[in-house]
Amino acid sequence: MKAGESRTFAASNRTVFDGQVSEGPMFALSYWEADQSPPAWAKTLQEMLVALSDHMFSHWG
């Protein structure tokens, strides 16, 4: 990836990077919610993002 590039990943391929780094990797996750999304969808998305964050930080270092 180069600065300013973005890519999408298939849901079936959950590995984004598998390797070693010399310093800490940076991972950014953002999403845009459609204005007319059902409240249950937005709540589920929020819960999944919190779970992802909790998982990442619980396995840090």
Protein backbone atom coordinates (compact mmCIF):
# COMPACT_ATOMS: atom_id res chain seq x y z
CA MET A 1 0.00 0.00 0.00
CA LYS A 2 1.14 3.50 -0.79
CA ALA A 3 0.08 6.73 0.87
CA GLY A 4 -3.40 7.74 -0.25
CA GLU A 5 -4.36 4.26 -1.48
CA SER A 6 -7.19 2.20 -0.10
CA ARG A 7 -8.44 -1.32 -0.72
CA THR A 8 -11.31 -3.51 0.29
CA PHE A 9 -10.93 -7.03 1.61
CA ALA A 10 -13.21 -9.98 1.06
CA ALA A 11 -15.02 -11.18 4.18
CA SER A 12 -13.71 -14.69 3.49
CA ASN A 13 -10.10 -13.47 3.71
CA ARG A 14 -9.76 -12.15 7.25
CA THR A 15 -5.95 -11.95 7.29
CA VAL A 16 -4.83 -8.45 6.38
CA PHE A 17 -1.16 -8.93 7.30
CA ASP A 18 0.75 -11.99 8.43
CA GLY A 19 4.41 -11.28 9.07
CA GLN A 20 6.94 -9.51 11.23
CA VAL A 21 7.53 -5.79 11.63
CA SER A 22 10.53 -3.99 13.11
CA GLU A 23 8.29 -1.49 14.92
CA GLY A 24 4.65 -1.43 15.97
CA PRO A 25 2.20 -1.63 13.07
CA MET A 26 -0.56 0.95 12.72
CA PHE A 27 -4.11 -0.15 12.03
CA ALA A 28 -6.95 2.25 11.33
CA LEU A 29 -10.55 1.24 10.89
CA SER A 30 -13.27 3.61 9.80
CA TYR A 31 -16.78 3.20 8.57
CA TRP A 32 -19.52 5.41 7.20
CA GLU A 33 -23.05 4.66 8.25
CA ALA A 34 -25.80 5.25 5.73
CA ASP A 35 -28.27 7.86 6.96
CA GLN A 36 -31.21 5.50 6.67
CA SER A 37 -29.60 2.46 8.29
CA PRO A 38 -31.89 0.59 10.69
CA PRO A 39 -31.00 1.29 14.36
CA ALA A 40 -30.39 -2.42 15.00
CA TRP A 41 -27.79 -2.50 12.20
CA ALA A 42 -25.91 0.50 13.62
CA LYS A 43 -26.02 -0.96 17.15
CA THR A 44 -24.67 -4.31 15.91
CA LEU A 45 -21.90 -2.56 13.98
CA GLN A 46 -20.92 -0.55 17.06
CA GLU A 47 -20.85 -3.69 19.22
CA MET A 48 -18.67 -5.50 16.67
CA LEU A 49 -16.22 -2.61 16.46
CA VAL A 50 -15.94 -2.45 20.26
CA ALA A 51 -15.34 -6.23 20.35
CA LEU A 52 -12.66 -5.90 17.66
CA SER A 53 -10.94 -3.11 19.59
CA ASP A 54 -11.11 -5.09 22.85
CA HIS A 55 -9.64 -8.16 21.14
CA MET A 56 -6.80 -6.21 19.54
CA PHE A 57 -5.78 -4.47 22.77
CA SER A 58 -6.07 -7.63 24.87
CA HIS A 59 -3.52 -9.30 22.57
CA TRP A 60 -1.20 -6.28 22.35
CA GLY A 61 2.45 -7.12 22.99
